PDB file of N, CA and C in Angstrom:
ATOM      1  N   MET A   1     114.942  99.776 106.775  1.00  0.00           N
ATOM      2  CA  MET A   1     113.391  99.181 107.259  1.00  0.00           C
ATOM      3  C   MET A   1     113.675  96.907 107.310  1.00  0.00           C
ATOM      4  N   ALA A   2     113.346  96.616 108.038  1.00  0.00           N
ATOM      5  CA  ALA A   2     112.477  94.678 108.487  1.00  0.00           C
ATOM      6  C   ALA A   2     111.427  95.046 107.077  1.00  0.00           C
ATOM      7  N   LYS A   3     111.610  93.778 106.362  1.00  0.00           N
ATOM      8  CA  LYS A   3     110.451  93.346 106.036  1.00  0.00           C
ATOM      9  C   LYS A   3     109.331  92.602 107.068  1.00  0.00           C
ATOM     10  N   PHE A   4     108.469  92.437 107.106  1.00  0.00           N
ATOM     11  CA  PHE A   4     107.198  91.841 107.502  1.00  0.00           C
ATOM     12  C   PHE A   4     105.817  91.075 106.833  1.00  0.00           C
ATOM     13  N   TYR A   5     105.651  89.936 107.771  1.00  0.00           N
ATOM     14  CA  TYR A   5     104.640  89.361 106.524  1.00  0.00           C
ATOM     15  C   TYR A   5     103.525  89.470 108.075  1.00  0.00           C
ATOM     16  N   VAL A   6     101.984  90.011 107.273  1.00  0.00           N
ATOM     17  CA  VAL A   6     101.116  90.647 108.063  1.00  0.00           C
ATOM     18  C   VAL A   6     100.051  90.133 107.694  1.00  0.00           C
ATOM     19  N   GLU A   7      99.289  89.734 108.707  1.00  0.00           N
ATOM     20  CA  GLU A   7      97.745  88.814 108.561  1.00  0.00           C
ATOM     21  C   GLU A   7      96.835  88.581 109.713  1.00  0.00           C
ATOM     22  N   CYS A   8      95.386  89.035 109.026  1.00  0.00           N
ATOM     23  CA  CYS A   8      94.018  89.834 109.370  1.00  0.00           C
ATOM     24  C   CYS A   8      93.257  88.479 109.242  1.00  0.00           C
ATOM     25  N   GLY A   9      93.052  87.541 109.803  1.00  0.00           N
ATOM     26  CA  GLY A   9      91.485  86.809 108.875  1.00  0.00           C
ATOM     27  C   GLY A   9      92.054  86.411 107.531  1.00  0.00           C
ATOM     28  N   ARG A  10      90.954  86.746 106.551  1.00  0.00           N
ATOM     29  CA  ARG A  10      91.714  85.424 104.886  1.00  0.00           C
ATOM     30  C   ARG A  10      93.576  86.789 104.089  1.00  0.00           C
ATOM     31  N   ARG A  11      92.798  88.216 105.218  1.00  0.00           N
ATOM     32  CA  ARG A  11      94.400  89.329 104.631  1.00  0.00           C
ATOM     33  C   ARG A  11      95.135  88.680 104.795  1.00  0.00           C
ATOM     34  N   TRP A  12      96.363  89.458 103.811  1.00  0.00           N
ATOM     35  CA  TRP A  12      97.553  89.908 104.078  1.00  0.00           C
ATOM     36  C   TRP A  12      98.677  90.312 103.519  1.00  0.00           C
ATOM     37  N   VAL A  13      99.960  90.677 103.835  1.00  0.00           N
ATOM     38  CA  VAL A  13     100.842  91.714 102.756  1.00  0.00           C
ATOM     39  C   VAL A  13     102.416  91.877 103.482  1.00  0.00           C
ATOM     40  N   ILE A  14     103.304  91.747 102.720  1.00  0.00           N
ATOM     41  CA  ILE A  14     104.444  91.412 103.282  1.00  0.00           C
ATOM     42  C   ILE A  14     104.439  93.158 103.030  1.00  0.00           C
ATOM     43  N   VAL A  15     105.356  93.535 103.911  1.00  0.00           N
ATOM     44  CA  VAL A  15     105.568  95.047 103.550  1.00  0.00           C
ATOM     45  C   VAL A  15     106.955  95.363 104.305  1.00  0.00           C
ATOM     46  N   GLU A  16     107.804  96.298 104.016  1.00  0.00           N
ATOM     47  CA  GLU A  16     109.232  97.189 104.182  1.00  0.00           C
ATOM     48  C   GLU A  16     107.604  98.277 105.467  1.00  0.00           C
ATOM     49  N   ALA A  17     108.557  98.272 106.398  1.00  0.00           N
ATOM     50  CA  ALA A  17     108.427  99.078 107.253  1.00  0.00           C
ATOM     51  C   ALA A  17     109.816  99.068 108.702  1.00  0.00           C
ATOM     52  N   MET A  18     109.543 100.256 109.400  1.00  0.00           N
ATOM     53  CA  MET A  18     109.938 100.351 110.798  1.00  0.00           C
ATOM     54  C   MET A  18     110.050  99.146 111.451  1.00  0.00           C
ATOM     55  N   ASP A  19     108.732  99.130 112.237  1.00  0.00           N
ATOM     56  CA  ASP A  19     108.642  97.865 113.335  1.00  0.00           C
ATOM     57  C   ASP A  19     107.236  97.719 112.799  1.00  0.00           C
ATOM     58  N   ALA A  20     106.472  96.924 113.560  1.00  0.00           N
ATOM     59  CA  ALA A  20     105.542  95.742 113.647  1.00  0.00           C
ATOM     60  C   ALA A  20     104.580  96.617 113.581  1.00  0.00           C
ATOM     61  N   GLU A  21     104.321  97.751 113.920  1.00  0.00           N
ATOM     62  CA  GLU A  21     103.152  98.567 114.370  1.00  0.00           C
ATOM     63  C   GLU A  21     103.084  98.882 113.195  1.00  0.00           C
ATOM     64  N   ALA A  22     103.435  99.531 112.760  1.00  0.00           N
ATOM     65  CA  ALA A  22     103.795 100.142 111.382  1.00  0.00           C
ATOM     66  C   ALA A  22     103.302  99.369 110.392  1.00  0.00           C
ATOM     67  N   ALA A  23     103.548  97.653 110.207  1.00  0.00           N
ATOM     68  CA  ALA A  23     103.280  97.132 109.456  1.00  0.00           C
ATOM     69  C   ALA A  23     101.960  96.709 109.619  1.00  0.00           C
ATOM     70  N   ALA A  24     101.558  96.686 110.672  1.00  0.00           N
ATOM     71  CA  ALA A  24     100.304  96.368 111.128  1.00  0.00           C
ATOM     72  C   ALA A  24      99.199  97.253 110.426  1.00  0.00           C
ATOM     73  N   MET A  25      99.720  98.341 111.102  1.00  0.00           N
ATOM     74  CA  MET A  25      99.416  99.934 110.157  1.00  0.00           C
ATOM     75  C   MET A  25      98.459  99.819 108.633  1.00  0.00           C
ATOM     76  N   HIS A  26      99.553  99.141 107.551  1.00  0.00           N
ATOM     77  CA  HIS A  26      99.793  99.234 106.783  1.00  0.00           C
ATOM     78  C   HIS A  26      98.733  98.549 106.891  1.00  0.00           C
ATOM     79  N   LEU A  27      98.082  97.342 106.931  1.00  0.00           N
ATOM     80  CA  LEU A  27      97.556  96.121 105.980  1.00  0.00           C
ATOM     81  C   LEU A  27      96.146  97.080 106.481  1.00  0.00           C
ATOM     82  N   ILE A  28      95.915  97.724 107.787  1.00  0.00           N
ATOM     83  CA  ILE A  28      94.583  98.330 107.892  1.00  0.00           C
ATOM     84  C   ILE A  28      94.573  99.137 107.029  1.00  0.00           C
ATOM     85  N   ASP A  29      95.621 100.112 106.306  1.00  0.00           N
ATOM     86  CA  ASP A  29      94.927 101.298 105.506  1.00  0.00           C
ATOM     87  C   ASP A  29      94.417 100.303 104.686  1.00  0.00           C
ATOM     88  N   THR A  30      95.727  99.033 104.063  1.00  0.00           N
ATOM     89  CA  THR A  30      95.049  98.449 102.795  1.00  0.00           C
ATOM     90  C   THR A  30      93.253  98.429 102.792  1.00  0.00           C
ATOM     91  N   ALA A  31      93.044  97.705 103.513  1.00  0.00           N
ATOM     92  CA  ALA A  31      91.434  97.464 104.266  1.00  0.00           C
ATOM     93  C   ALA A  31      90.800  97.825 103.632  1.00  0.00           C
ATOM     94  N   MET A  32      91.203  99.114 105.054  1.00  0.00           N
ATOM     95  CA  MET A  32      89.382 100.602 104.926  1.00  0.00           C
ATOM     96  C   MET A  32      90.517 101.830 103.736  1.00  0.00           C
ATOM     97  N   ARG A  33      90.790 101.224 102.910  1.00  0.00           N
ATOM     98  CA  ARG A  33      91.053 102.478 101.964  1.00  0.00           C
ATOM     99  C   ARG A  33      89.878 102.158 100.828  1.00  0.00           C
ATOM    100  N   PRO A  34      88.643 101.736 100.650  1.00  0.00           N
ATOM    101  CA  PRO A  34      87.126 102.583 100.441  1.00  0.00           C
ATOM    102  C   PRO A  34      86.907 102.771 101.321  1.00  0.00           C
ATOM    103  N   HIS A  35      86.891 102.846 101.782  1.00  0.00           N
ATOM    104  CA  HIS A  35      86.375 103.829 103.042  1.00  0.00           C
ATOM    105  C   HIS A  35      86.553 105.470 103.688  1.00  0.00           C
ATOM    106  N   LEU A  36      87.863 105.794 102.468  1.00  0.00           N
ATOM    107  CA  LEU A  36      88.172 106.974 102.686  1.00  0.00           C
ATOM    108  C   LEU A  36      87.595 108.190 102.562  1.00  0.00           C
ATOM    109  N   TRP A  37      86.397 108.289 101.775  1.00  0.00           N
ATOM    110  CA  TRP A  37      85.158 108.757 101.356  1.00  0.00           C
ATOM    111  C   TRP A  37      84.825 109.213 102.676  1.00  0.00           C
ATOM    112  N   ILE A  38      84.685 108.437 103.958  1.00  0.00           N
ATOM    113  CA  ILE A  38      84.252 109.786 104.863  1.00  0.00           C
ATOM    114  C   ILE A  38      84.489 109.896 105.236  1.00  0.00           C
ATOM    115  N   TYR A  39      85.738 110.541 105.198  1.00  0.00           N
ATOM    116  CA  TYR A  39      86.746 111.809 105.497  1.00  0.00           C
ATOM    117  C   TYR A  39      86.609 113.169 104.747  1.00  0.00           C
ATOM    118  N   ASP A  40      86.437 112.774 103.564  1.00  0.00           N
ATOM    119  CA  ASP A  40      85.674 113.759 102.797  1.00  0.00           C
ATOM    120  C   ASP A  40      84.191 114.133 102.843  1.00  0.00           C
ATOM    121  N   ASP A  41      83.657 113.426 103.007  1.00  0.00           N
ATOM    122  CA  ASP A  41      81.787 113.939 104.392  1.00  0.00           C
ATOM    123  C   ASP A  41      82.063 115.161 105.353  1.00  0.00           C
ATOM    124  N   ALA A  42      81.239 116.040 105.071  1.00  0.00           N
ATOM    125  CA  ALA A  42      81.707 117.009 105.439  1.00  0.00           C
ATOM    126  C   ALA A  42      80.553 116.793 107.441  1.00  0.00           C
ATOM    127  N   GLY A  43      79.391 115.810 106.615  1.00  0.00           N
ATOM    128  CA  GLY A  43      78.440 115.923 107.430  1.00  0.00           C
ATOM    129  C   GLY A  43      78.382 114.846 108.671  1.00  0.00           C
ATOM    130  N   LEU A  44      79.831 114.070 108.160  1.00  0.00           N
ATOM    131  CA  LEU A  44      79.578 113.482 109.673  1.00  0.00           C
ATOM    132  C   LEU A  44      81.094 113.415 110.673  1.00  0.00           C
ATOM    133  N   THR A  45      80.813 113.663 111.711  1.00  0.00           N
ATOM    134  CA  THR A  45      81.667 113.600 112.885  1.00  0.00           C
ATOM    135  C   THR A  45      82.530 112.593 113.725  1.00  0.00           C
ATOM    136  N   ASP A  46      83.643 112.836 113.631  1.00  0.00           N
ATOM    137  CA  ASP A  46      85.257 111.441 113.781  1.00  0.00           C
ATOM    138  C   ASP A  46      84.927 109.780 114.841  1.00  0.00           C
ATOM    139  N   SER A  47      83.178 110.489 115.237  1.00  0.00           N
ATOM    140  CA  SER A  47      82.787 108.876 116.285  1.00  0.00           C
ATOM    141  C   SER A  47      82.750 108.700 115.060  1.00  0.00           C
ATOM    142  N   ASP A  48      81.608 109.296 113.939  1.00  0.00           N
ATOM    143  CA  ASP A  48      80.597 108.736 113.263  1.00  0.00           C
ATOM    144  C   ASP A  48      81.477 108.103 112.264  1.00  0.00           C
ATOM    145  N   ARG A  49      82.779 108.845 111.545  1.00  0.00           N
ATOM    146  CA  ARG A  49      83.903 107.915 111.399  1.00  0.00           C
ATOM    147  C   ARG A  49      84.063 106.698 111.659  1.00  0.00           C
ATOM    148  N   TYR A  50      84.595 106.952 112.633  1.00  0.00           N
ATOM    149  CA  TYR A  50      85.247 105.714 113.827  1.00  0.00           C
ATOM    150  C   TYR A  50      83.661 103.800 113.778  1.00  0.00           C
ATOM    151  N   GLY A  51      83.087 104.694 114.094  1.00  0.00           N
ATOM    152  CA  GLY A  51      81.702 103.369 114.265  1.00  0.00           C
ATOM    153  C   GLY A  51      82.091 102.750 112.260  1.00  0.00           C
ATOM    154  N   HIS A  52      81.224 104.250 111.218  1.00  0.00           N
ATOM    155  CA  HIS A  52      81.650 102.778 110.459  1.00  0.00           C
ATOM    156  C   HIS A  52      82.748 102.167 109.838  1.00  0.00           C
ATOM    157  N   LEU A  53      84.272 102.967 110.169  1.00  0.00           N
ATOM    158  CA  LEU A  53      84.698 102.189 110.426  1.00  0.00           C
ATOM    159  C   LEU A  53      85.362 100.573 111.214  1.00  0.00           C
ATOM    160  N   ALA A  54      84.919 100.691 112.373  1.00  0.00           N
ATOM    161  CA  ALA A  54      85.078  99.777 113.291  1.00  0.00           C
ATOM    162  C   ALA A  54      83.648  98.998 112.469  1.00  0.00           C
ATOM    163  N   VAL A  55      82.266  98.842 111.485  1.00  0.00           N
ATOM    164  CA  VAL A  55      81.645  98.467 111.894  1.00  0.00           C
ATOM    165  C   VAL A  55      81.993  97.618 110.952  1.00  0.00           C
ATOM    166  N   GLU A  56      83.247  98.098 109.593  1.00  0.00           N
ATOM    167  CA  GLU A  56      83.615  97.104 108.234  1.00  0.00           C
ATOM    168  C   GLU A  56      84.799  96.217 109.289  1.00  0.00           C
ATOM    169  N   ALA A  57      85.318  96.673 109.519  1.00  0.00           N
ATOM    170  CA  ALA A  57      86.308  95.550 110.399  1.00  0.00           C
ATOM    171  C   ALA A  57      85.488  94.579 111.149  1.00  0.00           C
ATOM    172  N   LEU A  58      84.767  94.847 111.936  1.00  0.00           N
ATOM    173  CA  LEU A  58      83.797  94.135 112.223  1.00  0.00           C
ATOM    174  C   LEU A  58      83.573  92.571 111.523  1.00  0.00           C
ATOM    175  N   LEU A  59      83.382  93.141 110.267  1.00  0.00           N
ATOM    176  CA  LEU A  59      82.162  92.701 108.659  1.00  0.00           C
ATOM    177  C   LEU A  59      83.561  92.025 108.584  1.00  0.00           C
ATOM    178  N   THR A  60      85.408  92.174 108.069  1.00  0.00           N
ATOM    179  CA  THR A  60      85.993  91.694 107.597  1.00  0.00           C
ATOM    180  C   THR A  60      87.805  91.053 107.936  1.00  0.00           C
ATOM    181  N   LEU A  61      87.307  92.130 108.975  1.00  0.00           N
ATOM    182  CA  LEU A  61      88.352  91.799 109.337  1.00  0.00           C
ATOM    183  C   LEU A  61      88.645  90.258 110.785  1.00  0.00           C
ATOM    184  N   ALA A  62      89.791  90.025 110.749  1.00  0.00           N
ATOM    185  CA  ALA A  62      89.440  89.372 112.523  1.00  0.00           C
ATOM    186  C   ALA A  62      90.206  90.218 113.890  1.00  0.00           C
ATOM    187  N   PRO A  63      90.113  88.990 114.467  1.00  0.00           N
ATOM    188  CA  PRO A  63      89.308  90.147 115.935  1.00  0.00           C
ATOM    189  C   PRO A  63      91.510  90.804 116.438  1.00  0.00           C
ATOM    190  N   GLU A  64      92.646  90.026 115.145  1.00  0.00           N
ATOM    191  CA  GLU A  64      93.562  90.604 115.952  1.00  0.00           C
ATOM    192  C   GLU A  64      94.046  90.270 114.700  1.00  0.00           C
ATOM    193  N   ILE A  65      95.553  91.470 114.633  1.00  0.00           N
ATOM    194  CA  ILE A  65      96.475  91.816 113.768  1.00  0.00           C
ATOM    195  C   ILE A  65      98.006  90.731 114.334  1.00  0.00           C
ATOM    196  N   ARG A  66      98.399  89.487 112.728  1.00  0.00           N
ATOM    197  CA  ARG A  66      99.709  88.931 113.045  1.00  0.00           C
ATOM    198  C   ARG A  66     100.627  88.989 112.038  1.00  0.00           C
ATOM    199  N   VAL A  67     101.512  89.783 113.237  1.00  0.00           N
ATOM    200  CA  VAL A  67     102.720  90.222 112.293  1.00  0.00           C
ATOM    201  C   VAL A  67     104.159  89.434 112.748  1.00  0.00           C
ATOM    202  N   SER A  68     105.102  88.949 111.330  1.00  0.00           N
ATOM    203  CA  SER A  68     106.279  88.579 111.849  1.00  0.00           C
ATOM    204  C   SER A  68     107.431  88.555 110.738  1.00  0.00           C
ATOM    205  N   GLU A  69     108.644  88.389 111.417  1.00  0.00           N
ATOM    206  CA  GLU A  69     109.238  88.707 110.267  1.00  0.00           C
ATOM    207  C   GLU A  69     110.221  87.243 109.553  1.00  0.00           C
ATOM    208  N   GLN A  70     109.507  86.017 110.000  1.00  0.00           N
ATOM    209  CA  GLN A  70     109.917  85.762 109.520  1.00  0.00           C
ATOM    210  C   GLN A  70     109.138  84.529 108.495  1.00  0.00           C
ATOM    211  N   GLY A  71     107.664  85.040 108.224  1.00  0.00           N
ATOM    212  CA  GLY A  71     106.894  84.078 107.380  1.00  0.00           C
ATOM    213  C   GLY A  71     105.659  84.329 107.844  1.00  0.00           C
ATOM    214  N   LEU A  72     104.077  84.101 106.673  1.00  0.00           N
ATOM    215  CA  LEU A  72     102.782  83.813 107.260  1.00  0.00           C
ATOM    216  C   LEU A  72     102.108  82.656 108.402  1.00  0.00           C
ATOM    217  N   GLY A  73     101.515  82.615 108.656  1.00  0.00           N
ATOM    218  CA  GLY A  73     101.270  81.634 109.471  1.00  0.00           C
ATOM    219  C   GLY A  73     102.526  81.660 110.308  1.00  0.00           C
ATOM    220  N   ARG A  74     102.395  82.429 111.259  1.00  0.00           N
ATOM    221  CA  ARG A  74     103.860  81.563 112.376  1.00  0.00           C
ATOM    222  C   ARG A  74     103.088  81.751 113.749  1.00  0.00           C
ATOM    223  N   ASP A  75     103.396  81.023 114.190  1.00  0.00           N
ATOM    224  CA  ASP A  75     103.060  80.144 115.525  1.00  0.00           C
ATOM    225  C   ASP A  75     103.980  81.379 116.387  1.00  0.00           C
ATOM    226  N   ASP A  76     104.238  82.125 116.558  1.00  0.00           N
ATOM    227  CA  ASP A  76     105.548  83.123 116.933  1.00  0.00           C
ATOM    228  C   ASP A  76     105.229  84.949 116.542  1.00  0.00           C
ATOM    229  N   ALA A  77     104.430  83.996 115.781  1.00  0.00           N
ATOM    230  CA  ALA A  77     104.113  85.794 115.368  1.00  0.00           C
ATOM    231  C   ALA A  77     103.442  86.979 116.449  1.00  0.00           C
ATOM    232  N   ILE A  78     104.349  88.281 116.007  1.00  0.00           N
ATOM    233  CA  ILE A  78     104.044  89.187 117.033  1.00  0.00           C
ATOM    234  C   ILE A  78     101.823  89.643 117.109  1.00  0.00           C
ATOM    235  N   ARG A  79     101.007  89.312 118.446  1.00  0.00           N
ATOM    236  CA  ARG A  79     100.077  89.720 118.020  1.00  0.00           C
ATOM    237  C   ARG A  79      99.258  91.066 118.846  1.00  0.00           C
ATOM    238  N   VAL A  80      98.224  91.842 117.620  1.00  0.00           N
ATOM    239  CA  VAL A  80      98.326  93.333 117.885  1.00  0.00           C
ATOM    240  C   VAL A  80      96.345  93.554 117.576  1.00  0.00           C
ATOM    241  N   GLY A  81      95.635  94.043 118.303  1.00  0.00           N
ATOM    242  CA  GLY A  81      94.506  94.171 118.164  1.00  0.00           C
ATOM    243  C   GLY A  81      93.957  94.757 117.333  1.00  0.00           C
ATOM    244  N   THR A  82      93.023  93.747 115.984  1.00  0.00           N
ATOM    245  CA  THR A  82      93.184  95.156 115.264  1.00  0.00           C
ATOM    246  C   THR A  82      91.898  96.035 115.352  1.00  0.00           C
ATOM    247  N   PRO A  83      91.080  96.721 116.360  1.00  0.00           N
ATOM    248  CA  PRO A  83      90.218  97.459 117.083  1.00  0.00           C
ATOM    249  C   PRO A  83      91.408  98.575 117.117  1.00  0.00           C
ATOM    250  N   GLU A  84      92.496  98.497 118.067  1.00  0.00           N
ATOM    251  CA  GLU A  84      94.108  99.086 118.332  1.00  0.00           C
ATOM    252  C   GLU A  84      94.736  99.970 117.507  1.00  0.00           C
ATOM    253  N   VAL A  85      94.888  99.124 116.618  1.00  0.00           N
ATOM    254  CA  VAL A  85      95.273  99.845 115.165  1.00  0.00           C
ATOM    255  C   VAL A  85      94.779 100.374 114.455  1.00  0.00           C
ATOM    256  N   LEU A  86      93.250 100.108 114.833  1.00  0.00           N
ATOM    257  CA  LEU A  86      92.182 100.503 113.531  1.00  0.00           C
ATOM    258  C   LEU A  86      91.934 102.276 114.379  1.00  0.00           C
ATOM    259  N   ARG A  87      91.715 102.221 115.445  1.00  0.00           N
ATOM    260  CA  ARG A  87      91.834 103.342 116.602  1.00  0.00           C
ATOM    261  C   ARG A  87      92.918 104.218 115.578  1.00  0.00           C
ATOM    262  N   SER A  88      94.374 104.131 115.815  1.00  0.00           N
ATOM    263  CA  SER A  88      95.742 104.686 115.257  1.00  0.00           C
ATOM    264  C   SER A  88      95.158 105.328 114.054  1.00  0.00           C
ATOM    265  N   TRP A  89      95.123 103.798 113.368  1.00  0.00           N
ATOM    266  CA  TRP A  89      94.815 104.463 111.779  1.00  0.00           C
ATOM    267  C   TRP A  89      94.003 105.780 111.690  1.00  0.00           C
ATOM    268  N   HIS A  90      92.569 105.400 111.993  1.00  0.00           N
ATOM    269  CA  HIS A  90      91.471 107.009 111.865  1.00  0.00           C
ATOM    270  C   HIS A  90      92.438 108.204 113.046  1.00  0.00           C
ATOM    271  N   GLN A  91      92.824 107.499 114.424  1.00  0.00           N
ATOM    272  CA  GLN A  91      93.057 109.041 114.739  1.00  0.00           C
ATOM    273  C   GLN A  91      94.693 110.014 113.654  1.00  0.00           C
ATOM    274  N   THR A  92      95.044 108.805 113.154  1.00  0.00           N
ATOM    275  CA  THR A  92      95.997 109.394 112.155  1.00  0.00           C
ATOM    276  C   THR A  92      95.172 109.901 110.878  1.00  0.00           C
ATOM    277  N   LEU A  93      94.173 109.528 110.401  1.00  0.00           N
ATOM    278  CA  LEU A  93      92.840 110.360 109.354  1.00  0.00           C
ATOM    279  C   LEU A  93      93.023 111.481 109.364  1.00  0.00           C
ATOM    280  N   ALA A  94      91.594 111.360 110.928  1.00  0.00           N
ATOM    281  CA  ALA A  94      91.225 112.227 111.631  1.00  0.00           C
ATOM    282  C   ALA A  94      91.833 113.558 111.444  1.00  0.00           C
ATOM    283  N   GLY A  95      93.435 113.746 112.034  1.00  0.00           N
ATOM    284  CA  GLY A  95      93.965 114.433 112.344  1.00  0.00           C
ATOM    285  C   GLY A  95      94.832 115.283 111.397  1.00  0.00           C
ATOM    286  N   LEU A  96      94.886 114.059 109.961  1.00  0.00           N
ATOM    287  CA  LEU A  96      95.587 115.094 109.416  1.00  0.00           C
ATOM    288  C   LEU A  96      93.813 115.904 108.324  1.00  0.00           C
ATOM    289  N   ASN A  97      93.134 115.514 108.127  1.00  0.00           N
ATOM    290  CA  ASN A  97      92.064 116.158 107.944  1.00  0.00           C
ATOM    291  C   ASN A  97      91.715 117.183 108.701  1.00  0.00           C
ATOM    292  N   ARG A  98      92.095 117.559 110.194  1.00  0.00           N
ATOM    293  CA  ARG A  98      92.023 118.632 110.832  1.00  0.00           C
ATOM    294  C   ARG A  98      92.819 120.121 110.616  1.00  0.00           C
ATOM    295  N   LEU A  99      94.307 118.714 110.427  1.00  0.00           N
ATOM    296  CA  LEU A  99      95.075 119.973 109.355  1.00  0.00           C
ATOM    297  C   LEU A  99      95.666 120.760 108.778  1.00  0.00           C
ATOM    298  N   LEU A 100      94.378 119.754 107.399  1.00  0.00           N
ATOM    299  CA  LEU A 100      94.013 120.254 106.406  1.00  0.00           C
ATOM    300  C   LEU A 100      93.543 121.545 106.476  1.00  0.00           C
ATOM    301  N   ARG A 101      91.837 121.489 107.587  1.00  0.00           N
ATOM    302  CA  ARG A 101      91.416 122.925 107.737  1.00  0.00           C
ATOM    303  C   ARG A 101      91.928 123.997 108.303  1.00  0.00           C
ATOM    304  N   SER A 102      92.256 123.111 108.868  1.00  0.00           N
ATOM    305  CA  SER A 102      93.256 124.787 110.268  1.00  0.00           C
ATOM    306  C   SER A 102      94.426 125.072 109.435  1.00  0.00           C
ATOM    307  N   ALA A 103      94.777 124.647 108.305  1.00  0.00           N
ATOM    308  CA  ALA A 103      95.822 125.554 107.545  1.00  0.00           C
ATOM    309  C   ALA A 103      95.157 126.412 106.361  1.00  0.00           C
ATOM    310  N   GLY A 104      93.756 125.962 106.361  1.00  0.00           N
ATOM    311  CA  GLY A 104      92.884 127.165 105.624  1.00  0.00           C
ATOM    312  C   GLY A 104      93.377 126.357 104.112  1.00  0.00           C
ATOM    313  N   LEU A 105      93.689 125.153 103.986  1.00  0.00           N
ATOM    314  CA  LEU A 105      93.484 124.909 102.712  1.00  0.00           C
ATOM    315  C   LEU A 105      92.185 124.489 101.859  1.00  0.00           C
ATOM    316  N   PRO A 106      92.102 124.297 100.208  1.00  0.00           N
ATOM    317  CA  PRO A 106      90.638 124.345 100.571  1.00  0.00           C
ATOM    318  C   PRO A 106      90.401 122.229 100.277  1.00  0.00           C
ATOM    319  N   PRO A 107      89.461 122.155 100.422  1.00  0.00           N
ATOM    320  CA  PRO A 107      88.975 120.592 100.955  1.00  0.00           C
ATOM    321  C   PRO A 107      89.572 119.850  99.854  1.00  0.00           C
ATOM    322  N   ARG A 108      90.517 119.298 100.333  1.00  0.00           N
ATOM    323  CA  ARG A 108      90.897 118.043  99.488  1.00  0.00           C
ATOM    324  C   ARG A 108      90.122 116.414  99.430  1.00  0.00           C
ATOM    325  N   SER A 109      90.100 115.637  99.129  1.00  0.00           N
ATOM    326  CA  SER A 109      89.705 114.673  98.988  1.00  0.00           C
ATOM    327  C   SER A 109      91.175 113.749  99.366  1.00  0.00           C
ATOM    328  N   LEU A 110      90.704 112.696 100.159  1.00  0.00           N
ATOM    329  CA  LEU A 110      91.452 111.572 101.347  1.00  0.00           C
ATOM    330  C   LEU A 110      91.148 110.170 100.522  1.00  0.00           C
ATOM    331  N   ALA A 111      90.043 110.552  99.906  1.00  0.00           N
ATOM    332  CA  ALA A 111      90.343 109.447  99.566  1.00  0.00           C
ATOM    333  C   ALA A 111      90.852 109.222  96.819  1.00  0.00           C
ATOM    334  N   GLY A 112      91.434 110.450  97.399  1.00  0.00           N
ATOM    335  CA  GLY A 112      92.267 110.627  96.202  1.00  0.00           C
ATOM    336  C   GLY A 112      90.705 110.846  94.647  1.00  0.00           C
ATOM    337  N   LYS A 113      90.047 110.959  94.983  1.00  0.00           N
ATOM    338  CA  LYS A 113      89.315 111.069  93.814  1.00  0.00           C
ATOM    339  C   LYS A 113      90.139 112.759  93.348  1.00  0.00           C
TER     340      LYS A 113
END
């Protein structure tokens, strides 16, 4: 795996990942981790959950994520839209939540509590 330097506004991480998309997903995972509780709230729809995440991202993240294998602050960094990566992250978590329910497993907190 390659080493990636990922930044979005004031947030940044250095991570080993399979590709730039996975590295961007890692930054979103780090930023949205405090909001995992929304996947434990059975009263929320997936649309409600995504809306919550979108508002949080709008308030705390830049519109794009920059990914480079060379370092932070690079002009040649790959740029990906924060909303697109956020949607992929949400779809992954929502799918995991549905998978656990359809498997008949007892509810488990995705927030790790």
